[in-house]
């Protein structure tokens, strides 16, 4: 991915265990996604 690329709709669990969808979040305005490696895993 590169900045500005479009992402397919997906769902994931938030920190409270609730399932959220990207398309639902986009209804309220722009969304910034960032990804990082799981803690204590090799780079």
Protein backbone atom coordinates (compact mmCIF):
# COMPACT_ATOMS: atom_id res chain seq x y z
CA UNK A 1 0.00 0.00 0.00
CA UNK A 2 0.95 3.56 -0.62
CA UNK A 3 -0.48 6.74 0.88
CA UNK A 4 -3.73 7.57 -0.88
CA UNK A 5 -4.49 3.98 -1.98
CA UNK A 6 -8.10 2.85 -1.50
CA UNK A 7 -8.75 -0.05 0.84
CA UNK A 8 -11.43 -2.72 0.47
CA UNK A 9 -14.12 -2.65 3.15
CA UNK A 10 -13.30 -4.85 6.16
CA UNK A 11 -14.40 -5.51 9.72
CA UNK A 12 -12.29 -5.98 12.85
CA UNK A 13 -12.67 -6.01 16.61
CA UNK A 14 -11.89 -2.84 18.52
CA UNK A 15 -10.25 -2.69 21.95
CA UNK A 16 -13.65 -3.27 23.57
CA UNK A 17 -14.28 -6.48 21.60
CA UNK A 18 -16.95 -4.89 19.38
CA UNK A 19 -16.94 -5.58 15.65
CA UNK A 20 -16.53 -2.41 13.60
CA UNK A 21 -16.61 -1.93 9.82
CA UNK A 22 -14.53 0.51 7.84
CA UNK A 23 -17.57 1.56 5.81
CA UNK A 24 -19.45 2.46 9.01
CA UNK A 25 -16.57 4.63 10.24
CA UNK A 26 -16.34 6.41 6.87
CA UNK A 27 -19.91 7.66 7.29
CA UNK A 28 -18.57 10.12 9.88
CA UNK A 29 -15.72 11.44 7.74
CA UNK A 30 -12.17 10.47 6.73
CA UNK A 31 -10.40 7.62 8.52
CA UNK A 32 -6.65 7.22 9.06
CA UNK A 33 -5.42 3.62 9.19
CA UNK A 34 -2.04 2.61 10.46
CA UNK A 35 -0.53 -0.81 11.05
CA UNK A 36 2.26 -1.90 13.32
CA UNK A 37 3.82 -5.29 14.16
CA UNK A 38 2.55 -7.32 17.07
CA UNK A 39 4.55 -6.70 20.25
CA UNK A 40 7.69 -8.77 20.74
CA UNK A 41 7.80 -10.13 17.20
CA UNK A 42 10.81 -9.93 14.89
CA UNK A 43 10.81 -7.12 12.34
